[in-house]
Amino acid sequence: DIIARPDAMHYNASENHALDGMTTKLATVMAGLAWRWRFQRHLSLATRALADLLRRNDGTTLAVTLTSPWRAGAWFFRPSVGLEWLSSNYVNYYFGVTPAESQPGRPAYAGSSTLNEKAGLSFGREFGGHFAATAGAYWTHYGSGVTESPIVGHTSTLSLLVGLYYHF
């Protein structure tokens, strides 16, 4: 499949005192190829290769995710694990610190490509033929290209999602 999706990674340096003197980093749209292979009833492998469509970070990402989808009537449950590679351009744009942005306690840093580890768990219930409610928790452990940046204070993040959707 050919895909395009928003990449919400961004920050406005003026909104965080710790980022004083940093250049604001803009969100972008990543586009590329995705492929999903279901090789057993409860096991699928998804891959994607994306590049910055708007040329804001000029980076690329590669991801592979193993998912084990389960259904019980209208209920669904999807644990997943994966790896995501971020190019040095991507990492440097969002996590790098130029010499002009450096300050005491925030040395210059040129980001390098990195490999993030990911795990997730989502579940939900379908209602009628087209509506569904879903919730999920997604954990990312960042690779050293991200965590060695002086503007990063955590080695991992936990994201929570709750939503309703309509499928055609």
N, C-alpha and C. Protein backbone atom coordinates (compact mmCIF):
# COMPACT_ATOMS: atom_id res chain seq x y z
N ASP A 1 0.83 -1.18 0.00
CA ASP A 1 0.00 0.00 0.00
C ASP A 1 0.88 1.25 0.00
N ILE A 2 0.39 2.27 -0.62
CA ILE A 2 1.01 3.59 -0.54
C ILE A 2 0.24 4.36 0.52
N ILE A 3 0.98 4.91 1.49
CA ILE A 3 0.31 5.60 2.61
C ILE A 3 0.92 6.98 2.85
N ALA A 4 0.14 7.82 3.49
CA ALA A 4 0.61 9.11 4.00
C ALA A 4 -0.07 9.29 5.35
N ARG A 5 0.70 9.76 6.33
CA ARG A 5 0.12 9.95 7.66
C ARG A 5 0.82 11.09 8.38
N PRO A 6 0.07 11.79 9.21
CA PRO A 6 0.71 12.89 9.95
C PRO A 6 1.72 12.35 10.96
N ASP A 7 2.79 13.07 11.14
CA ASP A 7 3.77 12.78 12.19
C ASP A 7 3.69 13.96 13.14
N ALA A 8 3.09 13.75 14.29
CA ALA A 8 2.81 14.84 15.22
C ALA A 8 4.01 15.28 16.04
N MET A 9 5.16 14.66 15.85
CA MET A 9 6.36 15.07 16.60
C MET A 9 6.65 16.54 16.29
N HIS A 10 6.68 17.35 17.31
CA HIS A 10 6.99 18.77 17.15
C HIS A 10 7.18 19.40 18.53
N TYR A 11 7.73 20.59 18.54
CA TYR A 11 7.71 21.38 19.76
C TYR A 11 7.89 22.85 19.42
N ASN A 12 7.27 23.67 20.24
CA ASN A 12 7.39 25.12 20.14
C ASN A 12 8.30 25.55 21.29
N ALA A 13 9.50 25.96 20.95
CA ALA A 13 10.50 26.28 21.97
C ALA A 13 10.02 27.36 22.93
N SER A 14 9.15 28.25 22.48
CA SER A 14 8.69 29.34 23.35
C SER A 14 7.70 28.85 24.41
N GLU A 15 7.21 27.62 24.29
CA GLU A 15 6.24 27.09 25.25
C GLU A 15 6.89 26.30 26.39
N ASN A 16 8.21 26.14 26.34
CA ASN A 16 8.90 25.37 27.37
C ASN A 16 10.21 26.09 27.71
N HIS A 17 10.31 26.56 28.93
CA HIS A 17 11.49 27.33 29.34
C HIS A 17 12.79 26.55 29.15
N ALA A 18 12.74 25.22 29.30
CA ALA A 18 13.94 24.39 29.13
C ALA A 18 14.45 24.41 27.69
N LEU A 19 13.60 24.83 26.75
CA LEU A 19 13.99 24.87 25.35
C LEU A 19 14.30 26.29 24.87
N ASP A 20 14.45 27.23 25.80
CA ASP A 20 14.81 28.60 25.41
C ASP A 20 16.03 28.59 24.51
N GLY A 21 15.94 29.32 23.41
CA GLY A 21 17.06 29.40 22.47
C GLY A 21 17.05 28.33 21.41
N MET A 22 16.14 27.36 21.50
CA MET A 22 16.03 26.30 20.49
C MET A 22 15.11 26.78 19.36
N THR A 23 15.31 26.23 18.19
CA THR A 23 14.44 26.51 17.05
C THR A 23 13.18 25.66 17.17
N THR A 24 12.03 26.26 16.91
CA THR A 24 10.77 25.51 16.92
C THR A 24 10.82 24.42 15.86
N LYS A 25 10.36 23.24 16.20
CA LYS A 25 10.35 22.09 15.27
C LYS A 25 8.91 21.80 14.87
N LEU A 26 8.65 21.70 13.58
CA LEU A 26 7.31 21.55 13.04
C LEU A 26 6.94 20.10 12.80
N ALA A 27 5.65 19.80 12.95
CA ALA A 27 5.13 18.48 12.57
C ALA A 27 5.19 18.36 11.06
N THR A 28 5.04 17.16 10.55
CA THR A 28 5.11 16.94 9.10
C THR A 28 4.15 15.83 8.69
N VAL A 29 4.22 15.46 7.45
CA VAL A 29 3.48 14.32 6.92
C VAL A 29 4.52 13.33 6.39
N MET A 30 4.44 12.10 6.84
CA MET A 30 5.35 11.05 6.37
C MET A 30 4.59 10.21 5.35
N ALA A 31 5.24 9.86 4.25
CA ALA A 31 4.59 9.08 3.20
C ALA A 31 5.53 7.99 2.72
N GLY A 32 4.94 6.89 2.24
CA GLY A 32 5.76 5.80 1.74
C GLY A 32 4.96 4.54 1.51
N LEU A 33 5.59 3.43 1.79
CA LEU A 33 5.00 2.12 1.52
C LEU A 33 4.75 1.36 2.82
N ALA A 34 3.65 0.62 2.84
CA ALA A 34 3.32 -0.24 3.98
C ALA A 34 2.86 -1.59 3.46
N TRP A 35 3.14 -2.62 4.23
CA TRP A 35 2.78 -3.97 3.83
C TRP A 35 2.40 -4.75 5.08
N ARG A 36 1.30 -5.50 5.00
CA ARG A 36 0.86 -6.34 6.12
C ARG A 36 0.70 -7.78 5.61
N TRP A 37 1.22 -8.70 6.40
CA TRP A 37 1.12 -10.11 6.04
C TRP A 37 0.55 -10.87 7.22
N ARG A 38 -0.59 -11.50 7.02
CA ARG A 38 -1.19 -12.34 8.05
C ARG A 38 -0.77 -13.77 7.74
N PHE A 39 0.09 -14.33 8.58
CA PHE A 39 0.61 -15.67 8.27
C PHE A 39 0.09 -16.75 9.18
N GLN A 40 -0.70 -16.41 10.16
CA GLN A 40 -1.44 -17.37 10.95
C GLN A 40 -2.71 -16.68 11.39
N ARG A 41 -3.65 -17.44 11.88
CA ARG A 41 -4.93 -16.85 12.27
C ARG A 41 -4.76 -15.72 13.29
N HIS A 42 -3.85 -15.90 14.22
CA HIS A 42 -3.67 -14.90 15.27
C HIS A 42 -2.29 -14.26 15.24
N LEU A 43 -1.72 -14.08 14.07
CA LEU A 43 -0.40 -13.47 13.97
C LEU A 43 -0.26 -12.74 12.64
N SER A 44 0.14 -11.48 12.71
CA SER A 44 0.37 -10.73 11.48
C SER A 44 1.63 -9.88 11.64
N LEU A 45 2.26 -9.61 10.53
CA LEU A 45 3.48 -8.82 10.48
C LEU A 45 3.22 -7.61 9.60
N ALA A 46 3.53 -6.43 10.10
CA ALA A 46 3.35 -5.20 9.32
C ALA A 46 4.69 -4.49 9.21
N THR A 47 4.96 -3.95 8.04
CA THR A 47 6.17 -3.17 7.82
C THR A 47 5.78 -1.86 7.14
N ARG A 48 6.62 -0.86 7.34
CA ARG A 48 6.41 0.40 6.63
C ARG A 48 7.74 1.12 6.48
N ALA A 49 7.86 1.84 5.39
CA ALA A 49 9.02 2.68 5.10
C ALA A 49 8.47 4.04 4.69
N LEU A 50 8.81 5.08 5.47
CA LEU A 50 8.23 6.40 5.26
C LEU A 50 9.32 7.46 5.14
N ALA A 51 9.02 8.50 4.37
CA ALA A 51 9.92 9.64 4.22
C ALA A 51 9.13 10.92 4.43
N ASP A 52 9.82 11.97 4.82
CA ASP A 52 9.21 13.26 5.11
C ASP A 52 8.70 13.90 3.82
N LEU A 53 7.40 13.95 3.65
CA LEU A 53 6.78 14.50 2.45
C LEU A 53 6.93 16.02 2.36
N LEU A 54 6.93 16.70 3.49
CA LEU A 54 7.00 18.16 3.49
C LEU A 54 8.43 18.69 3.62
N ARG A 55 9.40 17.80 3.70
CA ARG A 55 10.83 18.14 3.77
C ARG A 55 11.16 19.03 4.97
N ARG A 56 10.50 18.76 6.08
CA ARG A 56 10.81 19.51 7.30
C ARG A 56 11.99 18.89 8.03
N ASN A 57 11.98 17.55 8.17
CA ASN A 57 13.11 16.90 8.84
C ASN A 57 13.99 16.15 7.84
N ASP A 58 13.54 16.00 6.61
CA ASP A 58 14.26 15.27 5.56
C ASP A 58 14.67 13.88 6.00
N GLY A 59 13.90 13.31 6.92
CA GLY A 59 14.25 12.01 7.48
C GLY A 59 13.42 10.88 6.92
N THR A 60 13.79 9.68 7.33
CA THR A 60 13.05 8.47 6.98
C THR A 60 12.88 7.62 8.23
N THR A 61 11.84 6.79 8.21
CA THR A 61 11.61 5.84 9.29
C THR A 61 11.28 4.49 8.67
N LEU A 62 11.71 3.44 9.33
CA LEU A 62 11.38 2.07 8.95
C LEU A 62 10.82 1.38 10.19
N ALA A 63 9.75 0.62 10.02
CA ALA A 63 9.15 -0.04 11.18
C ALA A 63 8.70 -1.44 10.81
N VAL A 64 8.78 -2.32 11.78
CA VAL A 64 8.24 -3.68 11.67
C VAL A 64 7.50 -3.96 12.97
N THR A 65 6.26 -4.48 12.84
CA THR A 65 5.43 -4.74 14.01
C THR A 65 4.79 -6.11 13.89
N LEU A 66 4.87 -6.88 14.95
CA LEU A 66 4.24 -8.18 15.04
C LEU A 66 3.01 -8.03 15.93
N THR A 67 1.84 -8.39 15.41
CA THR A 67 0.58 -8.24 16.13
C THR A 67 -0.12 -9.58 16.23
N SER A 68 -0.80 -9.78 17.35
CA SER A 68 -1.56 -11.01 17.55
C SER A 68 -3.03 -10.64 17.80
N PRO A 69 -3.81 -10.44 16.72
CA PRO A 69 -5.20 -10.03 16.90
C PRO A 69 -6.10 -11.19 17.33
N TRP A 70 -6.95 -10.94 18.29
CA TRP A 70 -7.90 -11.94 18.79
C TRP A 70 -9.30 -11.34 18.79
N ARG A 71 -10.29 -12.16 18.52
CA ARG A 71 -11.68 -11.73 18.54
C ARG A 71 -12.50 -12.71 19.37
N ALA A 72 -13.50 -12.16 20.03
CA ALA A 72 -14.48 -12.96 20.76
C ALA A 72 -15.82 -12.25 20.58
N GLY A 73 -16.56 -12.67 19.59
CA GLY A 73 -17.81 -12.00 19.28
C GLY A 73 -17.54 -10.59 18.79
N ALA A 74 -18.13 -9.60 19.43
CA ALA A 74 -17.94 -8.20 19.03
C ALA A 74 -16.69 -7.58 19.66
N TRP A 75 -16.02 -8.31 20.55
CA TRP A 75 -14.83 -7.79 21.23
C TRP A 75 -13.57 -8.13 20.43
N PHE A 76 -12.57 -7.25 20.50
CA PHE A 76 -11.26 -7.53 19.89
C PHE A 76 -10.15 -7.11 20.85
N PHE A 77 -9.01 -7.76 20.68
CA PHE A 77 -7.87 -7.60 21.58
C PHE A 77 -6.62 -7.74 20.71
N ARG A 78 -5.69 -6.75 20.78
CA ARG A 78 -4.52 -6.76 19.90
C ARG A 78 -3.23 -6.41 20.64
N PRO A 79 -2.51 -7.38 21.16
CA PRO A 79 -1.16 -7.09 21.67
C PRO A 79 -0.19 -6.98 20.49
N SER A 80 0.85 -6.16 20.64
CA SER A 80 1.82 -5.99 19.56
C SER A 80 3.20 -5.65 20.13
N VAL A 81 4.23 -6.00 19.35
CA VAL A 81 5.61 -5.61 19.65
C VAL A 81 6.25 -5.20 18.33
N GLY A 82 7.23 -4.31 18.41
CA GLY A 82 7.86 -3.88 17.17
C GLY A 82 9.14 -3.11 17.39
N LEU A 83 9.76 -2.81 16.25
CA LEU A 83 10.97 -2.00 16.21
C LEU A 83 10.75 -0.88 15.21
N GLU A 84 11.29 0.30 15.52
CA GLU A 84 11.19 1.43 14.61
C GLU A 84 12.57 2.08 14.50
N TRP A 85 13.08 2.15 13.28
CA TRP A 85 14.36 2.80 13.01
C TRP A 85 14.09 4.22 12.55
N LEU A 86 14.82 5.18 13.13
CA LEU A 86 14.72 6.58 12.74
C LEU A 86 16.07 7.01 12.15
N SER A 87 16.03 7.66 10.99
CA SER A 87 17.27 8.09 10.35
C SER A 87 17.94 9.21 11.14
N SER A 88 19.20 9.43 10.87
CA SER A 88 19.94 10.49 11.57
C SER A 88 19.33 11.86 11.27
N ASN A 89 18.82 12.10 10.06
CA ASN A 89 18.17 13.38 9.77
C ASN A 89 16.94 13.59 10.63
N TYR A 90 16.14 12.55 10.79
CA TYR A 90 14.94 12.63 11.62
C TYR A 90 15.32 12.93 13.06
N VAL A 91 16.25 12.14 13.60
CA VAL A 91 16.67 12.31 15.00
C VAL A 91 17.30 13.68 15.21
N ASN A 92 18.17 14.09 14.29
CA ASN A 92 18.85 15.36 14.47
C ASN A 92 17.89 16.54 14.42
N TYR A 93 16.87 16.48 13.56
CA TYR A 93 15.90 17.57 13.47
C TYR A 93 15.15 17.77 14.79
N TYR A 94 14.64 16.68 15.35
CA TYR A 94 13.81 16.79 16.56
C TYR A 94 14.60 16.79 17.86
N PHE A 95 15.75 16.13 17.90
CA PHE A 95 16.48 15.95 19.15
C PHE A 95 17.88 16.55 19.15
N GLY A 96 18.34 17.03 18.01
CA GLY A 96 19.67 17.62 17.92
C GLY A 96 19.71 19.02 18.52
N VAL A 97 20.91 19.45 18.88
CA VAL A 97 21.14 20.79 19.40
C VAL A 97 22.31 21.38 18.60
N THR A 98 22.04 22.45 17.87
CA THR A 98 23.11 23.07 17.08
C THR A 98 24.04 23.84 18.00
N PRO A 99 25.25 24.15 17.54
CA PRO A 99 26.15 24.97 18.38
C PRO A 99 25.52 26.31 18.77
N ALA A 100 24.72 26.89 17.89
CA ALA A 100 24.06 28.17 18.22
C ALA A 100 22.99 27.99 19.29
N GLU A 101 22.41 26.80 19.41
CA GLU A 101 21.37 26.53 20.41
C GLU A 101 21.94 26.05 21.75
N SER A 102 23.21 25.72 21.77
CA SER A 102 23.81 25.18 22.99
C SER A 102 23.91 26.26 24.07
N GLN A 103 23.83 25.81 25.31
CA GLN A 103 23.92 26.67 26.48
C GLN A 103 24.58 25.86 27.58
N PRO A 104 24.98 26.48 28.68
CA PRO A 104 25.47 25.68 29.80
C PRO A 104 24.41 24.67 30.23
N GLY A 105 24.79 23.42 30.33
CA GLY A 105 23.85 22.36 30.67
C GLY A 105 23.13 21.78 29.45
N ARG A 106 23.32 22.39 28.29
CA ARG A 106 22.72 21.88 27.05
C ARG A 106 23.77 21.98 25.94
N PRO A 107 24.68 20.99 25.91
CA PRO A 107 25.75 21.03 24.90
C PRO A 107 25.20 20.74 23.50
N ALA A 108 25.97 21.11 22.50
CA ALA A 108 25.62 20.79 21.12
C ALA A 108 25.52 19.27 20.99
N TYR A 109 24.59 18.82 20.17
CA TYR A 109 24.39 17.38 19.98
C TYR A 109 23.93 17.14 18.55
N ALA A 110 24.64 16.30 17.84
CA ALA A 110 24.25 15.88 16.49
C ALA A 110 23.63 14.50 16.61
N GLY A 111 22.34 14.41 16.42
CA GLY A 111 21.64 13.14 16.56
C GLY A 111 22.08 12.12 15.54
N SER A 112 22.05 10.88 15.93
CA SER A 112 22.40 9.78 15.03
C SER A 112 21.19 8.85 14.87
N SER A 113 21.22 8.04 13.83
CA SER A 113 20.11 7.11 13.63
C SER A 113 19.96 6.22 14.85
N THR A 114 18.74 5.74 15.07
CA THR A 114 18.50 4.98 16.29
C THR A 114 17.40 3.95 16.07
N LEU A 115 17.32 3.00 16.97
CA LEU A 115 16.31 1.95 16.91
C LEU A 115 15.48 2.01 18.19
N ASN A 116 14.18 2.26 18.04
CA ASN A 116 13.25 2.29 19.17
C ASN A 116 12.54 0.95 19.29
N GLU A 117 12.29 0.54 20.53
CA GLU A 117 11.51 -0.67 20.81
C GLU A 117 10.11 -0.25 21.18
N LYS A 118 9.12 -1.00 20.70
CA LYS A 118 7.72 -0.62 20.95
C LYS A 118 6.91 -1.83 21.40
N ALA A 119 5.91 -1.58 22.22
CA ALA A 119 4.95 -2.61 22.62
C ALA A 119 3.61 -1.92 22.82
N GLY A 120 2.56 -2.64 22.54
CA GLY A 120 1.24 -2.05 22.69
C GLY A 120 0.18 -3.08 23.00
N LEU A 121 -0.92 -2.58 23.50
CA LEU A 121 -2.07 -3.43 23.79
C LEU A 121 -3.31 -2.59 23.54
N SER A 122 -4.14 -3.04 22.62
CA SER A 122 -5.40 -2.33 22.39
C SER A 122 -6.54 -3.34 22.47
N PHE A 123 -7.70 -2.83 22.80
CA PHE A 123 -8.88 -3.67 22.86
C PHE A 123 -10.08 -2.80 22.54
N GLY A 124 -11.17 -3.44 22.23
CA GLY A 124 -12.36 -2.67 21.92
C GLY A 124 -13.55 -3.55 21.64
N ARG A 125 -14.62 -2.88 21.24
CA ARG A 125 -15.87 -3.58 20.96
C ARG A 125 -16.55 -2.91 19.78
N GLU A 126 -17.04 -3.74 18.88
CA GLU A 126 -17.82 -3.23 17.75
C GLU A 126 -19.28 -3.12 18.16
N PHE A 127 -19.95 -2.11 17.63
CA PHE A 127 -21.38 -1.87 17.87
C PHE A 127 -22.08 -1.79 16.53
N GLY A 128 -23.03 -2.67 16.31
CA GLY A 128 -23.70 -2.67 15.01
C GLY A 128 -22.71 -3.07 13.94
N GLY A 129 -22.96 -2.63 12.74
CA GLY A 129 -22.10 -3.04 11.64
C GLY A 129 -20.93 -2.13 11.36
N HIS A 130 -20.95 -0.88 11.88
CA HIS A 130 -19.93 0.07 11.45
C HIS A 130 -19.20 0.80 12.57
N PHE A 131 -19.74 0.85 13.76
CA PHE A 131 -19.13 1.62 14.85
C PHE A 131 -18.32 0.70 15.75
N ALA A 132 -17.27 1.27 16.34
CA ALA A 132 -16.48 0.54 17.33
C ALA A 132 -15.89 1.53 18.32
N ALA A 133 -15.71 1.07 19.54
CA ALA A 133 -15.01 1.82 20.58
C ALA A 133 -13.71 1.09 20.85
N THR A 134 -12.64 1.84 21.08
CA THR A 134 -11.35 1.22 21.30
C THR A 134 -10.57 1.98 22.37
N ALA A 135 -9.67 1.28 23.02
CA ALA A 135 -8.75 1.89 23.97
C ALA A 135 -7.43 1.14 23.85
N GLY A 136 -6.36 1.83 24.15
CA GLY A 136 -5.07 1.17 24.05
C GLY A 136 -3.99 1.87 24.84
N ALA A 137 -2.94 1.14 25.12
CA ALA A 137 -1.73 1.67 25.77
C ALA A 137 -0.54 1.26 24.91
N TYR A 138 0.33 2.22 24.62
CA TYR A 138 1.46 1.98 23.73
C TYR A 138 2.73 2.53 24.38
N TRP A 139 3.74 1.69 24.48
CA TRP A 139 4.99 2.03 25.14
C TRP A 139 6.10 2.08 24.09
N THR A 140 6.94 3.10 24.17
CA THR A 140 8.12 3.21 23.30
C THR A 140 9.34 3.41 24.17
N HIS A 141 10.36 2.58 23.96
CA HIS A 141 11.66 2.75 24.60
C HIS A 141 12.59 3.30 23.52
N TYR A 142 13.09 4.51 23.74
CA TYR A 142 13.89 5.19 22.72
C TYR A 142 15.31 4.67 22.68
N GLY A 143 15.86 4.62 21.48
CA GLY A 143 17.24 4.22 21.28
C GLY A 143 18.20 5.32 21.69
N SER A 144 19.48 5.02 21.71
CA SER A 144 20.49 5.95 22.21
C SER A 144 20.60 7.22 21.38
N GLY A 145 20.26 7.17 20.09
CA GLY A 145 20.30 8.39 19.28
C GLY A 145 19.37 9.45 19.82
N VAL A 146 18.29 9.04 20.46
CA VAL A 146 17.34 9.97 21.07
C VAL A 146 17.73 10.25 22.53
N THR A 147 17.97 9.20 23.31
CA THR A 147 18.17 9.37 24.76
C THR A 147 19.46 10.10 25.11
N GLU A 148 20.45 10.11 24.22
CA GLU A 148 21.69 10.82 24.51
C GLU A 148 21.58 12.32 24.26
N SER A 149 20.47 12.77 23.69
CA SER A 149 20.27 14.19 23.45
C SER A 149 20.11 14.93 24.78
N PRO A 150 20.73 16.10 24.91
CA PRO A 150 20.59 16.86 26.16
C PRO A 150 19.19 17.45 26.36
N ILE A 151 18.32 17.40 25.37
CA ILE A 151 16.96 17.93 25.55
C ILE A 151 15.95 16.83 25.85
N VAL A 152 16.42 15.60 26.02
CA VAL A 152 15.54 14.47 26.32
C VAL A 152 15.74 14.07 27.77
N GLY A 153 14.63 13.99 28.51
CA GLY A 153 14.73 13.66 29.92
C GLY A 153 14.24 12.28 30.29
N HIS A 154 13.67 11.54 29.33
CA HIS A 154 13.12 10.22 29.61
C HIS A 154 13.60 9.23 28.55
N THR A 155 13.73 7.98 28.94
CA THR A 155 14.15 6.95 27.99
C THR A 155 12.97 6.25 27.33
N SER A 156 11.76 6.49 27.85
CA SER A 156 10.58 5.84 27.26
C SER A 156 9.35 6.70 27.48
N THR A 157 8.31 6.40 26.72
CA THR A 157 7.04 7.09 26.88
C THR A 157 5.91 6.06 26.85
N LEU A 158 4.82 6.41 27.51
CA LEU A 158 3.61 5.62 27.49
C LEU A 158 2.50 6.50 26.94
N SER A 159 1.85 6.04 25.88
CA SER A 159 0.75 6.79 25.27
C SER A 159 -0.53 6.01 25.48
N LEU A 160 -1.59 6.73 25.82
CA LEU A 160 -2.91 6.12 26.01
C LEU A 160 -3.85 6.67 24.95
N LEU A 161 -4.72 5.81 24.45
CA LEU A 161 -5.64 6.18 23.39
C LEU A 161 -7.03 5.67 23.73
N VAL A 162 -8.01 6.52 23.55
CA VAL A 162 -9.41 6.13 23.69
C VAL A 162 -10.12 6.73 22.49
N GLY A 163 -10.95 5.94 21.82
CA GLY A 163 -11.61 6.48 20.65
C GLY A 163 -12.83 5.73 20.20
N LEU A 164 -13.57 6.39 19.35
CA LEU A 164 -14.70 5.81 18.63
C LEU A 164 -14.41 5.95 17.16
N TYR A 165 -14.79 4.97 16.39
CA TYR A 165 -14.59 5.12 14.94
C TYR A 165 -15.72 4.45 14.17
N TYR A 166 -15.82 4.88 12.95
CA TYR A 166 -16.80 4.37 11.99
C TYR A 166 -16.02 3.77 10.84
N HIS A 167 -16.29 2.53 10.52
CA HIS A 167 -15.59 1.93 9.36
C HIS A 167 -16.62 1.60 8.29
N PHE A 168 -16.19 1.79 7.06
CA PHE A 168 -17.06 1.62 5.90
C PHE A 168 -17.11 0.18 5.43
